[in-house]
Amino acid sequence: MFLSPLLISLIPGFVILLVTWWFKRMNFPLFARIIPGILTVIAKKEI
């Protein structure tokens, strides 16, 4: 019962951190690195 909301919030957060880290490793500019976070915030506001 308590595990489901925790997993629903942790899994997308982990994916966003992983993508951001990968973008940093590929030496993308700062704007490209923060796009996944911005899109996540926009998507969460829609729910």
N, C-alpha and C. Protein backbone atom coordinates (compact mmCIF):
# COMPACT_ATOMS: atom_id res chain seq x y z
N MET A 1 0.82 -1.19 0.00
CA MET A 1 0.00 0.00 0.00
C MET A 1 0.87 1.27 0.00
N PHE A 2 1.89 1.30 0.85
CA PHE A 2 2.76 2.47 0.90
C PHE A 2 3.87 2.40 -0.13
N LEU A 3 4.15 1.22 -0.63
CA LEU A 3 5.27 1.05 -1.56
C LEU A 3 4.95 1.60 -2.94
N SER A 4 3.71 1.51 -3.36
CA SER A 4 3.35 1.94 -4.71
C SER A 4 3.61 3.43 -4.95
N PRO A 5 3.14 4.36 -4.10
CA PRO A 5 3.44 5.77 -4.35
C PRO A 5 4.94 6.08 -4.29
N LEU A 6 5.64 5.38 -3.44
CA LEU A 6 7.08 5.59 -3.34
C LEU A 6 7.77 5.20 -4.64
N LEU A 7 7.40 4.05 -5.20
CA LEU A 7 8.01 3.62 -6.46
C LEU A 7 7.61 4.53 -7.61
N ILE A 8 6.36 5.00 -7.59
CA ILE A 8 5.90 5.88 -8.67
C ILE A 8 6.68 7.18 -8.68
N SER A 9 7.11 7.64 -7.52
CA SER A 9 7.89 8.88 -7.48
C SER A 9 9.38 8.65 -7.65
N LEU A 10 9.89 7.53 -7.21
CA LEU A 10 11.33 7.28 -7.28
C LEU A 10 11.81 6.88 -8.67
N ILE A 11 11.06 6.07 -9.36
CA ILE A 11 11.50 5.57 -10.66
C ILE A 11 11.68 6.71 -11.68
N PRO A 12 10.70 7.61 -11.88
CA PRO A 12 10.94 8.71 -12.82
C PRO A 12 12.07 9.64 -12.36
N GLY A 13 12.17 9.86 -11.07
CA GLY A 13 13.26 10.70 -10.56
C GLY A 13 14.61 10.10 -10.86
N PHE A 14 14.73 8.79 -10.69
CA PHE A 14 15.99 8.11 -10.98
C PHE A 14 16.31 8.18 -12.47
N VAL A 15 15.30 8.03 -13.30
CA VAL A 15 15.51 8.10 -14.75
C VAL A 15 15.98 9.50 -15.15
N ILE A 16 15.38 10.53 -14.57
CA ILE A 16 15.78 11.90 -14.89
C ILE A 16 17.21 12.16 -14.46
N LEU A 17 17.58 11.71 -13.26
CA LEU A 17 18.96 11.87 -12.81
C LEU A 17 19.94 11.13 -13.70
N LEU A 18 19.56 9.93 -14.15
CA LEU A 18 20.42 9.16 -15.03
C LEU A 18 20.61 9.84 -16.38
N VAL A 19 19.53 10.37 -16.95
CA VAL A 19 19.62 11.06 -18.24
C VAL A 19 20.45 12.33 -18.11
N THR A 20 20.24 13.09 -17.01
CA THR A 20 21.00 14.31 -16.79
C THR A 20 22.49 14.01 -16.63
N TRP A 21 22.80 12.96 -15.88
CA TRP A 21 24.20 12.56 -15.71
C TRP A 21 24.81 12.16 -17.05
N TRP A 22 24.05 11.44 -17.87
CA TRP A 22 24.54 11.00 -19.18
C TRP A 22 24.79 12.20 -20.08
N PHE A 23 23.87 13.20 -20.05
CA PHE A 23 24.07 14.41 -20.84
C PHE A 23 25.32 15.15 -20.39
N LYS A 24 25.58 15.19 -19.09
CA LYS A 24 26.78 15.87 -18.58
C LYS A 24 28.03 15.12 -19.04
N ARG A 25 27.95 13.82 -19.02
CA ARG A 25 29.10 13.01 -19.44
C ARG A 25 29.41 13.19 -20.93
N MET A 26 28.37 13.46 -21.71
CA MET A 26 28.55 13.67 -23.15
C MET A 26 28.92 15.13 -23.47
N ASN A 27 29.14 15.94 -22.40
CA ASN A 27 29.53 17.35 -22.54
C ASN A 27 28.51 18.18 -23.30
N PHE A 28 27.23 17.95 -23.03
CA PHE A 28 26.19 18.78 -23.59
C PHE A 28 26.17 20.10 -22.84
N PRO A 29 25.66 21.17 -23.47
CA PRO A 29 25.57 22.44 -22.75
C PRO A 29 24.59 22.36 -21.59
N LEU A 30 24.68 23.34 -20.71
CA LEU A 30 23.85 23.34 -19.50
C LEU A 30 22.37 23.30 -19.83
N PHE A 31 21.95 24.06 -20.82
CA PHE A 31 20.53 24.09 -21.17
C PHE A 31 20.03 22.70 -21.56
N ALA A 32 20.82 21.96 -22.31
CA ALA A 32 20.41 20.61 -22.71
C ALA A 32 20.35 19.68 -21.51
N ARG A 33 21.18 19.92 -20.51
CA ARG A 33 21.20 19.06 -19.33
C ARG A 33 20.01 19.29 -18.42
N ILE A 34 19.42 20.50 -18.44
CA ILE A 34 18.29 20.75 -17.54
C ILE A 34 16.94 20.51 -18.21
N ILE A 35 16.92 20.25 -19.51
CA ILE A 35 15.66 19.99 -20.21
C ILE A 35 14.89 18.80 -19.61
N PRO A 36 15.53 17.66 -19.28
CA PRO A 36 14.74 16.57 -18.70
C PRO A 36 14.04 16.97 -17.40
N GLY A 37 14.70 17.74 -16.57
CA GLY A 37 14.09 18.19 -15.33
C GLY A 37 12.92 19.12 -15.57
N ILE A 38 13.09 20.04 -16.51
CA ILE A 38 12.02 20.98 -16.84
C ILE A 38 10.80 20.24 -17.38
N LEU A 39 11.03 19.30 -18.28
CA LEU A 39 9.92 18.52 -18.84
C LEU A 39 9.21 17.70 -17.77
N THR A 40 9.95 17.19 -16.81
CA THR A 40 9.34 16.43 -15.73
C THR A 40 8.45 17.32 -14.88
N VAL A 41 8.90 18.51 -14.56
CA VAL A 41 8.09 19.43 -13.76
C VAL A 41 6.82 19.81 -14.51
N ILE A 42 6.93 20.07 -15.80
CA ILE A 42 5.75 20.41 -16.59
C ILE A 42 4.78 19.23 -16.63
N ALA A 43 5.29 18.03 -16.81
CA ALA A 43 4.42 16.86 -16.88
C ALA A 43 3.74 16.59 -15.53
N LYS A 44 4.43 16.79 -14.44
CA LYS A 44 3.85 16.56 -13.12
C LYS A 44 2.79 17.60 -12.79
N LYS A 45 2.93 18.82 -13.29
CA LYS A 45 1.93 19.85 -13.04
C LYS A 45 0.63 19.53 -13.77
N GLU A 46 0.69 18.82 -14.87
CA GLU A 46 -0.49 18.49 -15.64
C GLU A 46 -1.35 17.43 -14.96
N ILE A 47 -0.76 16.64 -14.10
CA ILE A 47 -1.50 15.54 -13.45
C ILE A 47 -2.35 16.04 -12.33
